[in-house]
Every structure is written in C-alpha cells, then in structure tokens.
Amino acid sequence: MNESAYEPQPAPAFGIALNELTLGDPFRWLAAGWRDFMRAPAIGLFYGASFALMGGLLLKAFQDAPAWVLALSAGFLLVGPFLCVGMYDVSRRLECGERPDLRQSLTAWSTRTGTMAIFGAVLLVLEMVWARASLVVFALTFDGMPDFNGSIARLLDPENLGFIVAYVGVGGVFAALIYSVSVVSLPMILDRQTDAITAGLTSIRLCLAQTGVMLLWGTLITLLVVIAMLPGFLGLLVVGPVLGHASWHAYRAAVAAETVPAAAAPKPALEPIRK
C-alpha cells in the first residue's frame, strides 16, 4: 500500500488545538529569542541589517514625499513578518538540533511558495486599504498635501494633534487586524502542512482566546520596535532578529503540536502464524 496514504492531512481551521498561555509567556519568548540570536548571531545580524536598511530608506524617502511615506509605512508591518521567515527557519533548525545556514534561511519560503503567496496577497490588500485610508486622513486634516520639508519634528508639532490622533487611530485599527491575522500564521505555514486560510483563522482564534496575553505580546513588540528605531534604526540590528526568533517560540507555545490520528497511523504487519 502507498505510504503517502498515511501522511497526516491538514487539520480544519477550528480543529487545531490552542494551548493555555500566561502573562509571563511573552517574556519567556523574548528570552528564547535572545538565546537563538546568540546561537546564530551572524545570521541574525544579517536580517537585523535588512530591517535597519528598510527603516533608513523609509526615513530618506520621507524627506521627499512625507504623505506617501506615512501612507506606505504599513508596508513595514507587511514585509516584516515575511523577512522573519528566515529567522523562523533558524529557530526551527536550532530546536531540532541542526546547524542553521544563511542560504537555507533565505530560501525557507520556497517549500511553501503557493501558500505564502496567497497569505501575502491578503496582507497586501490590507496594506493598500491602509495606505488609502492614511492618504484620506492626511488630505482631510490639512485640506490637501502640505509640505513639511522632510521634517518629522514639523509633522509632530502640537498644531497637528488632530491629524496625529486620527492617523494613529486609523492605523491602529489596521495594525491590530494585520497583527491578529499574522501573529502565528507564517511560522505555522512554514512548520506544518496547512493553507493560508487555516493559518490566518488559527491566528485570529488565538488572539480572541488569549486576548490579554496577545495584547501584551503586541505591546512588547511595538515598544521594542519604537525604541529600536530611535537611534537611527540601528537598534533593529538586534531587536529585529530577536523578535523574529521570539515569534517562532510564541507560535510553538501557543499552537498545539500536530498529532497523527490513530486511524491514519500505519498498521504493523501481522506476524505469520507459526505451527
């Protein structure tokens, strides 16, 4: 009989078990992420430099087109999880006792290209809606597109408090949506045989079932990223990869491991009857 018949089939979206979490877990994920970073620092610094470069390019573009940069800044949340796929692969290999490799981490997504492409398309649509909403808020607040001469300080002037509140409010809604859909989706897609819809629904279920813990985890991510961005984005050299590794451990802690149903397990061969 074909052995492939015994391969576990993807579990339905609402059939994947979720583990009970505590408020101390996010801090343990960060500690585990730091340990993984220290075990493979060269790979981590490569991805950290990519994060820092993205931030630097975004800041440079702000000098020429502040409105568009603010609208497209959501792309940072879009690209970030996909850039972290390499770090998920590193943490997975370390977990299995294997030696991580930069080249393998860069191509880790290739084993699940179709699923990740579908999931990426969903996030891209959300990002495009966010970008349009940001431009609308920008235009309505200032009755057009004002020129800040590339100065963030001028943008954050107290006179612009109404815009800041509206922008943060609208952005917060979309950020929360993207976070809830993607917080464990990509490591789940990389780790097991599942589709984009199942991964996204599992991530949403987790946020609804463990709201307090996931709010704390999202707050920690936001605070660490903001602090890392202050010194010219250089803090992302370390914070970026640590959060990537920690996100893998968050997935492993929150989503129950796959189990092979007894009916699907291969049956042992019958011993011949001895006379």
C-alpha atoms as a PDB file:
ATOM      1  CA  MET A   1       0.000   0.000   0.000  1.00  0.00           C
ATOM      2  CA  ASN A   2       1.230   3.520  -0.783  1.00  0.00           C
ATOM      3  CA  GLU A   3       2.926   5.013   2.308  1.00  0.00           C
ATOM      4  CA  SER A   4       1.720   8.504   1.355  1.00  0.00           C
ATOM      5  CA  ALA A   5      -1.756   7.423   2.401  1.00  0.00           C
ATOM      6  CA  TYR A   6      -0.534   7.546   5.975  1.00  0.00           C
ATOM      7  CA  GLU A   7       0.692  11.132   5.794  1.00  0.00           C
ATOM      8  CA  PRO A   8      -1.254  13.413   8.195  1.00  0.00           C
ATOM      9  CA  GLN A   9      -3.822  15.582   6.485  1.00  0.00           C
ATOM     10  CA  PRO A  10      -4.216  19.305   7.285  1.00  0.00           C
ATOM     11  CA  ALA A  11      -6.483  19.848  10.278  1.00  0.00           C
ATOM     12  CA  PRO A  12      -9.586  22.010   9.785  1.00  0.00           C
ATOM     13  CA  ALA A  13      -9.214  25.639  10.858  1.00  0.00           C
ATOM     14  CA  PHE A  14     -11.278  25.191  14.023  1.00  0.00           C
ATOM     15  CA  GLY A  15      -9.849  21.768  14.808  1.00  0.00           C
ATOM     16  CA  ILE A  16      -6.340  22.957  15.643  1.00  0.00           C
ATOM     17  CA  ALA A  17      -5.882  22.980  19.408  1.00  0.00           C
ATOM     18  CA  LEU A  18      -4.533  26.068  21.158  1.00  0.00           C
ATOM     19  CA  ASN A  19      -2.526  25.941  24.367  1.00  0.00           C
ATOM     20  CA  GLU A  20      -3.297  27.912  27.508  1.00  0.00           C
ATOM     21  CA  LEU A  21      -0.913  30.851  27.938  1.00  0.00           C
ATOM     22  CA  THR A  22       0.031  33.082  30.854  1.00  0.00           C
ATOM     23  CA  LEU A  23       1.124  36.712  31.045  1.00  0.00           C
ATOM     24  CA  GLY A  24       4.659  35.559  31.755  1.00  0.00           C
ATOM     25  CA  ASP A  25       4.939  33.698  28.444  1.00  0.00           C
ATOM     26  CA  PRO A  26       5.773  36.720  26.211  1.00  0.00           C
ATOM     27  CA  PHE A  27       8.817  37.433  28.362  1.00  0.00           C
ATOM     28  CA  ARG A  28       9.892  33.808  28.059  1.00  0.00           C
ATOM     29  CA  TRP A  29       9.519  34.077  24.274  1.00  0.00           C
ATOM     30  CA  LEU A  30      11.808  37.100  24.278  1.00  0.00           C
ATOM     31  CA  ALA A  31      14.364  35.237  26.386  1.00  0.00           C
ATOM     32  CA  ALA A  32      14.211  32.267  23.995  1.00  0.00           C
ATOM     33  CA  GLY A  33      14.551  34.651  21.029  1.00  0.00           C
ATOM     34  CA  TRP A  34      17.660  36.192  22.588  1.00  0.00           C
ATOM     35  CA  ARG A  35      19.187  32.719  23.098  1.00  0.00           C
ATOM     36  CA  ASP A  36      18.557  31.819  19.457  1.00  0.00           C
ATOM     37  CA  PHE A  37      20.094  35.110  18.352  1.00  0.00           C
ATOM     38  CA  MET A  38      23.210  34.424  20.408  1.00  0.00           C
ATOM     39  CA  ARG A  39      23.485  30.916  18.954  1.00  0.00           C
ATOM     40  CA  ALA A  40      23.422  32.238  15.379  1.00  0.00           C
ATOM     41  CA  PRO A  41      24.491  35.910  15.660  1.00  0.00           C
ATOM     42  CA  ALA A  42      25.861  36.303  12.136  1.00  0.00           C
ATOM     43  CA  ILE A  43      22.576  35.250  10.542  1.00  0.00           C
ATOM     44  CA  GLY A  44      20.627  37.408  12.975  1.00  0.00           C
ATOM     45  CA  LEU A  45      22.741  40.484  12.238  1.00  0.00           C
ATOM     46  CA  PHE A  46      22.207  39.977   8.514  1.00  0.00           C
ATOM     47  CA  TYR A  47      18.443  40.143   8.961  1.00  0.00           C
ATOM     48  CA  GLY A  48      18.788  42.944  11.511  1.00  0.00           C
ATOM     49  CA  ALA A  49      20.777  44.971   8.987  1.00  0.00           C
ATOM     50  CA  SER A  50      17.977  44.393   6.464  1.00  0.00           C
ATOM     51  CA  PHE A  51      15.445  45.823   8.937  1.00  0.00           C
ATOM     52  CA  ALA A  52      17.678  48.813   9.670  1.00  0.00           C
ATOM     53  CA  LEU A  53      18.199  49.433   5.950  1.00  0.00           C
ATOM     54  CA  MET A  54      14.446  49.366   5.352  1.00  0.00           C
ATOM     55  CA  GLY A  55      13.960  51.951   8.078  1.00  0.00           C
ATOM     56  CA  GLY A  56      16.737  54.148   6.740  1.00  0.00           C
ATOM     57  CA  LEU A  57      15.306  54.092   3.236  1.00  0.00           C
ATOM     58  CA  LEU A  58      11.870  54.941   4.622  1.00  0.00           C
ATOM     59  CA  LEU A  59      13.294  57.910   6.509  1.00  0.00           C
ATOM     60  CA  LYS A  60      15.181  59.082   3.426  1.00  0.00           C
ATOM     61  CA  ALA A  61      12.045  58.890   1.305  1.00  0.00           C
ATOM     62  CA  PHE A  62      10.154  60.921   3.930  1.00  0.00           C
ATOM     63  CA  GLN A  63      12.275  63.929   3.027  1.00  0.00           C
ATOM     64  CA  ASP A  64      10.820  63.954  -0.481  1.00  0.00           C
ATOM     65  CA  ALA A  65       7.275  62.604  -0.058  1.00  0.00           C
ATOM     66  CA  PRO A  66       6.117  62.607   3.589  1.00  0.00           C
ATOM     67  CA  ALA A  67       2.450  61.928   2.827  1.00  0.00           C
ATOM     68  CA  TRP A  68       3.182  58.857   0.739  1.00  0.00           C
ATOM     69  CA  VAL A  69       5.738  57.550   3.214  1.00  0.00           C
ATOM     70  CA  LEU A  70       3.224  57.806   6.038  1.00  0.00           C
ATOM     71  CA  ALA A  71       0.662  56.003   3.909  1.00  0.00           C
ATOM     72  CA  LEU A  72       3.063  53.251   2.902  1.00  0.00           C
ATOM     73  CA  SER A  73       4.688  52.848   6.315  1.00  0.00           C
ATOM     74  CA  ALA A  74       2.243  49.992   6.871  1.00  0.00           C
ATOM     75  CA  GLY A  75       4.446  48.062   4.469  1.00  0.00           C
ATOM     76  CA  PHE A  76       6.900  47.753   7.322  1.00  0.00           C
ATOM     77  CA  LEU A  77       4.353  45.522   9.073  1.00  0.00           C
ATOM     78  CA  LEU A  78       3.726  43.708   5.796  1.00  0.00           C
ATOM     79  CA  VAL A  79       7.346  42.997   4.858  1.00  0.00           C
ATOM     80  CA  GLY A  80       8.500  42.379   8.430  1.00  0.00           C
ATOM     81  CA  PRO A  81       6.776  39.007   9.002  1.00  0.00           C
ATOM     82  CA  PHE A  82       7.985  37.702   5.638  1.00  0.00           C
ATOM     83  CA  LEU A  83      11.536  38.836   6.344  1.00  0.00           C
ATOM     84  CA  CYS A  84      11.258  36.944   9.635  1.00  0.00           C
ATOM     85  CA  VAL A  85      10.580  33.664   7.807  1.00  0.00           C
ATOM     86  CA  GLY A  86      14.337  33.140   7.612  1.00  0.00           C
ATOM     87  CA  MET A  87      14.614  33.530  11.373  1.00  0.00           C
ATOM     88  CA  TYR A  88      11.731  31.116  11.897  1.00  0.00           C
ATOM     89  CA  ASP A  89      13.734  28.604   9.889  1.00  0.00           C
ATOM     90  CA  VAL A  90      16.832  29.241  12.017  1.00  0.00           C
ATOM     91  CA  SER A  91      14.889  28.739  15.272  1.00  0.00           C
ATOM     92  CA  ARG A  92      13.257  25.600  13.898  1.00  0.00           C
ATOM     93  CA  ARG A  93      16.622  24.109  12.986  1.00  0.00           C
ATOM     94  CA  LEU A  94      18.112  25.018  16.361  1.00  0.00           C
ATOM     95  CA  GLU A  95      15.108  23.387  18.011  1.00  0.00           C
ATOM     96  CA  CYS A  96      15.781  20.198  16.052  1.00  0.00           C
ATOM     97  CA  GLY A  97      19.475  20.228  16.964  1.00  0.00           C
ATOM     98  CA  GLU A  98      20.556  21.172  13.442  1.00  0.00           C
ATOM     99  CA  ARG A  99      23.060  23.805  12.408  1.00  0.00           C
ATOM    100  CA  PRO A 100      21.319  26.819  10.804  1.00  0.00           C
ATOM    101  CA  ASP A 101      22.552  28.148   7.487  1.00  0.00           C
ATOM    102  CA  LEU A 102      22.022  31.606   5.987  1.00  0.00           C
ATOM    103  CA  ARG A 103      21.417  30.301   2.484  1.00  0.00           C
ATOM    104  CA  GLN A 104      18.816  27.832   3.714  1.00  0.00           C
ATOM    105  CA  SER A 105      17.089  30.515   5.749  1.00  0.00           C
ATOM    106  CA  LEU A 106      16.893  32.789   2.698  1.00  0.00           C
ATOM    107  CA  THR A 107      15.100  30.083   0.714  1.00  0.00           C
ATOM    108  CA  ALA A 108      12.999  28.629   3.544  1.00  0.00           C
ATOM    109  CA  TRP A 109       9.841  30.126   1.996  1.00  0.00           C
ATOM    110  CA  SER A 110      10.370  28.129  -1.227  1.00  0.00           C
ATOM    111  CA  THR A 111       8.924  24.972   0.345  1.00  0.00           C
ATOM    112  CA  ARG A 112       5.566  26.722   0.837  1.00  0.00           C
ATOM    113  CA  THR A 113       5.640  29.223  -2.023  1.00  0.00           C
ATOM    114  CA  GLY A 114       1.978  28.986  -3.041  1.00  0.00           C
ATOM    115  CA  THR A 115       0.550  29.246   0.463  1.00  0.00           C
ATOM    116  CA  MET A 116       2.807  32.125   1.428  1.00  0.00           C
ATOM    117  CA  ALA A 117       1.959  33.926  -1.811  1.00  0.00           C
ATOM    118  CA  ILE A 118      -1.759  33.687  -1.025  1.00  0.00           C
ATOM    119  CA  PHE A 119      -1.218  34.899   2.515  1.00  0.00           C
ATOM    120  CA  GLY A 120       0.996  37.714   1.258  1.00  0.00           C
ATOM    121  CA  ALA A 121      -1.727  38.789  -1.172  1.00  0.00           C
ATOM    122  CA  VAL A 122      -4.201  39.085   1.705  1.00  0.00           C
ATOM    123  CA  LEU A 123      -1.791  41.253   3.692  1.00  0.00           C
ATOM    124  CA  LEU A 124      -1.063  43.317   0.589  1.00  0.00           C
ATOM    125  CA  VAL A 125      -4.767  44.111   0.167  1.00  0.00           C
ATOM    126  CA  LEU A 126      -4.939  45.206   3.811  1.00  0.00           C
ATOM    127  CA  GLU A 127      -1.858  47.364   3.330  1.00  0.00           C
ATOM    128  CA  MET A 128      -3.314  49.019   0.225  1.00  0.00           C
ATOM    129  CA  VAL A 129      -6.544  49.832   2.081  1.00  0.00           C
ATOM    130  CA  TRP A 130      -4.499  51.210   4.974  1.00  0.00           C
ATOM    131  CA  ALA A 131      -2.425  53.331   2.601  1.00  0.00           C
ATOM    132  CA  ARG A 132      -5.563  54.776   1.009  1.00  0.00           C
ATOM    133  CA  ALA A 133      -7.132  55.479   4.414  1.00  0.00           C
ATOM    134  CA  SER A 134      -3.936  57.220   5.552  1.00  0.00           C
ATOM    135  CA  LEU A 135      -3.906  59.464   2.495  1.00  0.00           C
ATOM    136  CA  VAL A 136      -7.558  60.360   3.061  1.00  0.00           C
ATOM    137  CA  VAL A 137      -6.849  61.297   6.698  1.00  0.00           C
ATOM    138  CA  PHE A 138      -3.841  63.315   5.573  1.00  0.00           C
ATOM    139  CA  ALA A 139      -5.779  65.185   2.886  1.00  0.00           C
ATOM    140  CA  LEU A 140      -8.858  65.888   5.011  1.00  0.00           C
ATOM    141  CA  THR A 141      -6.856  67.093   8.007  1.00  0.00           C
ATOM    142  CA  PHE A 142      -4.693  69.522   6.073  1.00  0.00           C
ATOM    143  CA  ASP A 143      -7.121  70.242   3.202  1.00  0.00           C
ATOM    144  CA  GLY A 144      -4.504  68.994   0.787  1.00  0.00           C
ATOM    145  CA  MET A 145      -0.970  67.671   0.962  1.00  0.00           C
ATOM    146  CA  PRO A 146       1.210  70.114   2.941  1.00  0.00           C
ATOM    147  CA  ASP A 147       4.984  70.230   2.654  1.00  0.00           C
ATOM    148  CA  PHE A 148       6.849  69.544   5.889  1.00  0.00           C
ATOM    149  CA  ASN A 149      10.222  69.933   4.172  1.00  0.00           C
ATOM    150  CA  GLY A 150      11.074  66.401   5.221  1.00  0.00           C
ATOM    151  CA  SER A 151      10.977  67.302   8.903  1.00  0.00           C
ATOM    152  CA  ILE A 152       9.372  64.817  11.295  1.00  0.00           C
ATOM    153  CA  ALA A 153       9.538  67.463  14.026  1.00  0.00           C
ATOM    154  CA  ARG A 154       7.293  69.766  11.979  1.00  0.00           C
ATOM    155  CA  LEU A 155       4.870  66.907  11.386  1.00  0.00           C
ATOM    156  CA  LEU A 156       4.679  66.218  15.156  1.00  0.00           C
ATOM    157  CA  ASP A 157       4.052  69.871  16.001  1.00  0.00           C
ATOM    158  CA  PRO A 158       1.220  70.283  18.595  1.00  0.00           C
ATOM    159  CA  GLU A 159      -0.747  72.150  15.927  1.00  0.00           C
ATOM    160  CA  ASN A 160      -1.105  68.840  14.114  1.00  0.00           C
ATOM    161  CA  LEU A 161      -2.538  66.998  17.141  1.00  0.00           C
ATOM    162  CA  GLY A 162      -5.825  66.294  15.352  1.00  0.00           C
ATOM    163  CA  PHE A 163      -4.005  64.639  12.472  1.00  0.00           C
ATOM    164  CA  ILE A 164      -1.796  62.596  14.817  1.00  0.00           C
ATOM    165  CA  VAL A 165      -4.804  61.278  16.744  1.00  0.00           C
ATOM    166  CA  ALA A 166      -6.716  60.423  13.561  1.00  0.00           C
ATOM    167  CA  TYR A 167      -3.706  58.825  11.884  1.00  0.00           C
ATOM    168  CA  VAL A 168      -2.817  56.727  14.935  1.00  0.00           C
ATOM    169  CA  GLY A 169      -6.468  55.727  15.380  1.00  0.00           C
ATOM    170  CA  VAL A 170      -6.924  54.584  11.782  1.00  0.00           C
ATOM    171  CA  GLY A 171      -3.504  52.983  11.694  1.00  0.00           C
ATOM    172  CA  GLY A 172      -4.151  51.221  14.976  1.00  0.00           C
ATOM    173  CA  VAL A 173      -7.249  49.517  13.580  1.00  0.00           C
ATOM    174  CA  PHE A 174      -5.392  48.170  10.563  1.00  0.00           C
ATOM    175  CA  ALA A 175      -2.301  47.290  12.617  1.00  0.00           C
ATOM    176  CA  ALA A 176      -4.461  45.303  15.038  1.00  0.00           C
ATOM    177  CA  LEU A 177      -6.120  43.492  12.135  1.00  0.00           C
ATOM    178  CA  ILE A 178      -2.809  42.607  10.479  1.00  0.00           C
ATOM    179  CA  TYR A 179      -1.367  41.551  13.822  1.00  0.00           C
ATOM    180  CA  SER A 180      -4.300  39.288  14.668  1.00  0.00           C
ATOM    181  CA  VAL A 181      -4.197  37.629  11.246  1.00  0.00           C
ATOM    182  CA  SER A 182      -0.431  37.129  11.084  1.00  0.00           C
ATOM    183  CA  VAL A 183       0.897  36.767  14.637  1.00  0.00           C
ATOM    184  CA  VAL A 184       1.427  32.987  14.281  1.00  0.00           C
ATOM    185  CA  SER A 185       0.388  32.420  10.658  1.00  0.00           C
ATOM    186  CA  LEU A 186       3.730  32.453   8.864  1.00  0.00           C
ATOM    187  CA  PRO A 187       5.641  30.245  11.319  1.00  0.00           C
ATOM    188  CA  MET A 188       2.647  27.900  11.216  1.00  0.00           C
ATOM    189  CA  ILE A 189       2.692  27.792   7.405  1.00  0.00           C
ATOM    190  CA  LEU A 190       6.440  27.122   7.454  1.00  0.00           C
ATOM    191  CA  ASP A 191       6.179  24.428  10.109  1.00  0.00           C
ATOM    192  CA  ARG A 192       3.232  22.321   9.045  1.00  0.00           C
ATOM    193  CA  GLN A 193       1.061  21.293   6.110  1.00  0.00           C
ATOM    194  CA  THR A 194      -1.628  23.960   6.243  1.00  0.00           C
ATOM    195  CA  ASP A 195      -3.262  26.506   3.998  1.00  0.00           C
ATOM    196  CA  ALA A 196      -3.298  30.299   4.299  1.00  0.00           C
ATOM    197  CA  ILE A 197      -6.929  30.498   5.438  1.00  0.00           C
ATOM    198  CA  THR A 198      -6.448  27.920   8.184  1.00  0.00           C
ATOM    199  CA  ALA A 199      -3.305  29.676   9.404  1.00  0.00           C
ATOM    200  CA  GLY A 200      -4.999  33.080   9.418  1.00  0.00           C
ATOM    201  CA  LEU A 201      -8.101  31.798  11.223  1.00  0.00           C
ATOM    202  CA  THR A 202      -5.955  29.998  13.782  1.00  0.00           C
ATOM    203  CA  SER A 203      -4.091  33.238  14.437  1.00  0.00           C
ATOM    204  CA  ILE A 204      -7.369  35.134  14.905  1.00  0.00           C
ATOM    205  CA  ARG A 205      -8.696  32.392  17.184  1.00  0.00           C
ATOM    206  CA  LEU A 206      -5.576  32.693  19.298  1.00  0.00           C
ATOM    207  CA  CYS A 207      -5.994  36.457  19.686  1.00  0.00           C
ATOM    208  CA  LEU A 208      -9.647  36.018  20.671  1.00  0.00           C
ATOM    209  CA  ALA A 209      -8.998  33.132  23.066  1.00  0.00           C
ATOM    210  CA  GLN A 210      -5.871  34.598  24.686  1.00  0.00           C
ATOM    211  CA  THR A 211      -6.640  38.302  24.314  1.00  0.00           C
ATOM    212  CA  GLY A 212      -4.715  39.519  27.354  1.00  0.00           C
ATOM    213  CA  VAL A 213      -1.527  37.611  26.533  1.00  0.00           C
ATOM    214  CA  MET A 214      -1.596  38.541  22.848  1.00  0.00           C
ATOM    215  CA  LEU A 215      -2.245  42.213  23.686  1.00  0.00           C
ATOM    216  CA  LEU A 216       0.799  42.128  25.958  1.00  0.00           C
ATOM    217  CA  TRP A 217       2.850  40.446  23.233  1.00  0.00           C
ATOM    218  CA  GLY A 218       1.768  43.031  20.654  1.00  0.00           C
ATOM    219  CA  THR A 219       2.546  45.856  23.081  1.00  0.00           C
ATOM    220  CA  LEU A 220       6.028  44.467  23.770  1.00  0.00           C
ATOM    221  CA  ILE A 221       6.715  44.166  20.040  1.00  0.00           C
ATOM    222  CA  THR A 222       5.552  47.748  19.436  1.00  0.00           C
ATOM    223  CA  LEU A 223       7.578  49.211  22.310  1.00  0.00           C
ATOM    224  CA  LEU A 224      10.745  47.353  21.376  1.00  0.00           C
ATOM    225  CA  VAL A 225      10.465  48.337  17.706  1.00  0.00           C
ATOM    226  CA  VAL A 226       9.820  52.005  18.565  1.00  0.00           C
ATOM    227  CA  ILE A 227      12.797  52.095  20.950  1.00  0.00           C
ATOM    228  CA  ALA A 228      14.977  50.346  18.359  1.00  0.00           C
ATOM    229  CA  MET A 229      14.008  52.931  15.726  1.00  0.00           C
ATOM    230  CA  LEU A 230      15.047  55.938  17.818  1.00  0.00           C
ATOM    231  CA  PRO A 231      18.833  55.683  17.326  1.00  0.00           C
ATOM    232  CA  GLY A 232      18.610  55.905  13.539  1.00  0.00           C
ATOM    233  CA  PHE A 233      17.017  52.448  13.264  1.00  0.00           C
ATOM    234  CA  LEU A 234      20.296  50.902  14.446  1.00  0.00           C
ATOM    235  CA  GLY A 235      18.550  49.165  17.316  1.00  0.00           C
ATOM    236  CA  LEU A 236      16.806  46.969  14.760  1.00  0.00           C
ATOM    237  CA  LEU A 237      20.130  45.228  14.174  1.00  0.00           C
ATOM    238  CA  VAL A 238      19.438  43.236  17.338  1.00  0.00           C
ATOM    239  CA  VAL A 239      15.763  43.836  18.142  1.00  0.00           C
ATOM    240  CA  GLY A 240      14.602  42.712  14.679  1.00  0.00           C
ATOM    241  CA  PRO A 241      16.124  39.216  14.750  1.00  0.00           C
ATOM    242  CA  VAL A 242      15.363  38.695  18.444  1.00  0.00           C
ATOM    243  CA  LEU A 243      11.680  39.433  17.806  1.00  0.00           C
ATOM    244  CA  GLY A 244      11.747  37.140  14.780  1.00  0.00           C
ATOM    245  CA  HIS A 245      13.103  34.246  16.831  1.00  0.00           C
ATOM    246  CA  ALA A 246      10.737  35.065  19.701  1.00  0.00           C
ATOM    247  CA  SER A 247       7.766  34.960  17.309  1.00  0.00           C
ATOM    248  CA  TRP A 248       8.685  31.383  16.413  1.00  0.00           C
ATOM    249  CA  HIS A 249       8.649  30.442  20.097  1.00  0.00           C
ATOM    250  CA  ALA A 250       5.321  32.262  20.509  1.00  0.00           C
ATOM    251  CA  TYR A 251       3.851  30.058  17.787  1.00  0.00           C
ATOM    252  CA  ARG A 252       5.305  26.888  19.288  1.00  0.00           C
ATOM    253  CA  ALA A 253       3.957  27.760  22.720  1.00  0.00           C
ATOM    254  CA  ALA A 254       0.503  28.855  21.558  1.00  0.00           C
ATOM    255  CA  VAL A 255      -0.421  26.288  18.890  1.00  0.00           C
ATOM    256  CA  ALA A 256      -0.572  22.657  19.941  1.00  0.00           C
ATOM    257  CA  ALA A 257       1.731  20.267  18.119  1.00  0.00           C
ATOM    258  CA  GLU A 258       0.335  18.199  15.311  1.00  0.00           C
ATOM    259  CA  THR A 259      -0.871  14.720  16.151  1.00  0.00           C
ATOM    260  CA  VAL A 260      -1.327  11.831  13.776  1.00  0.00           C
ATOM    261  CA  PRO A 261      -4.808  10.297  14.126  1.00  0.00           C
ATOM    262  CA  ALA A 262      -4.740   6.664  15.152  1.00  0.00           C
ATOM    263  CA  ALA A 263      -6.721   5.721  12.055  1.00  0.00           C
ATOM    264  CA  ALA A 264      -4.087   7.332   9.849  1.00  0.00           C
ATOM    265  CA  ALA A 265      -1.116   5.687  11.521  1.00  0.00           C
ATOM    266  CA  PRO A 266       0.445   2.777   9.598  1.00  0.00           C
ATOM    267  CA  LYS A 267      -0.651  -0.579  10.959  1.00  0.00           C
ATOM    268  CA  PRO A 268       2.062  -3.029  11.980  1.00  0.00           C
ATOM    269  CA  ALA A 269       2.493  -6.011   9.735  1.00  0.00           C
ATOM    270  CA  LEU A 270       0.883  -9.216  11.010  1.00  0.00           C
ATOM    271  CA  GLU A 271       3.293 -11.892  12.056  1.00  0.00           C
ATOM    272  CA  PRO A 272       2.913 -15.196  10.250  1.00  0.00           C
ATOM    273  CA  ILE A 273       1.132 -17.897  12.197  1.00  0.00           C
ATOM    274  CA  ARG A 274       3.637 -20.413  13.405  1.00  0.00           C
ATOM    275  CA  LYS A 275       2.659 -24.030  13.557  1.00  0.00           C
END
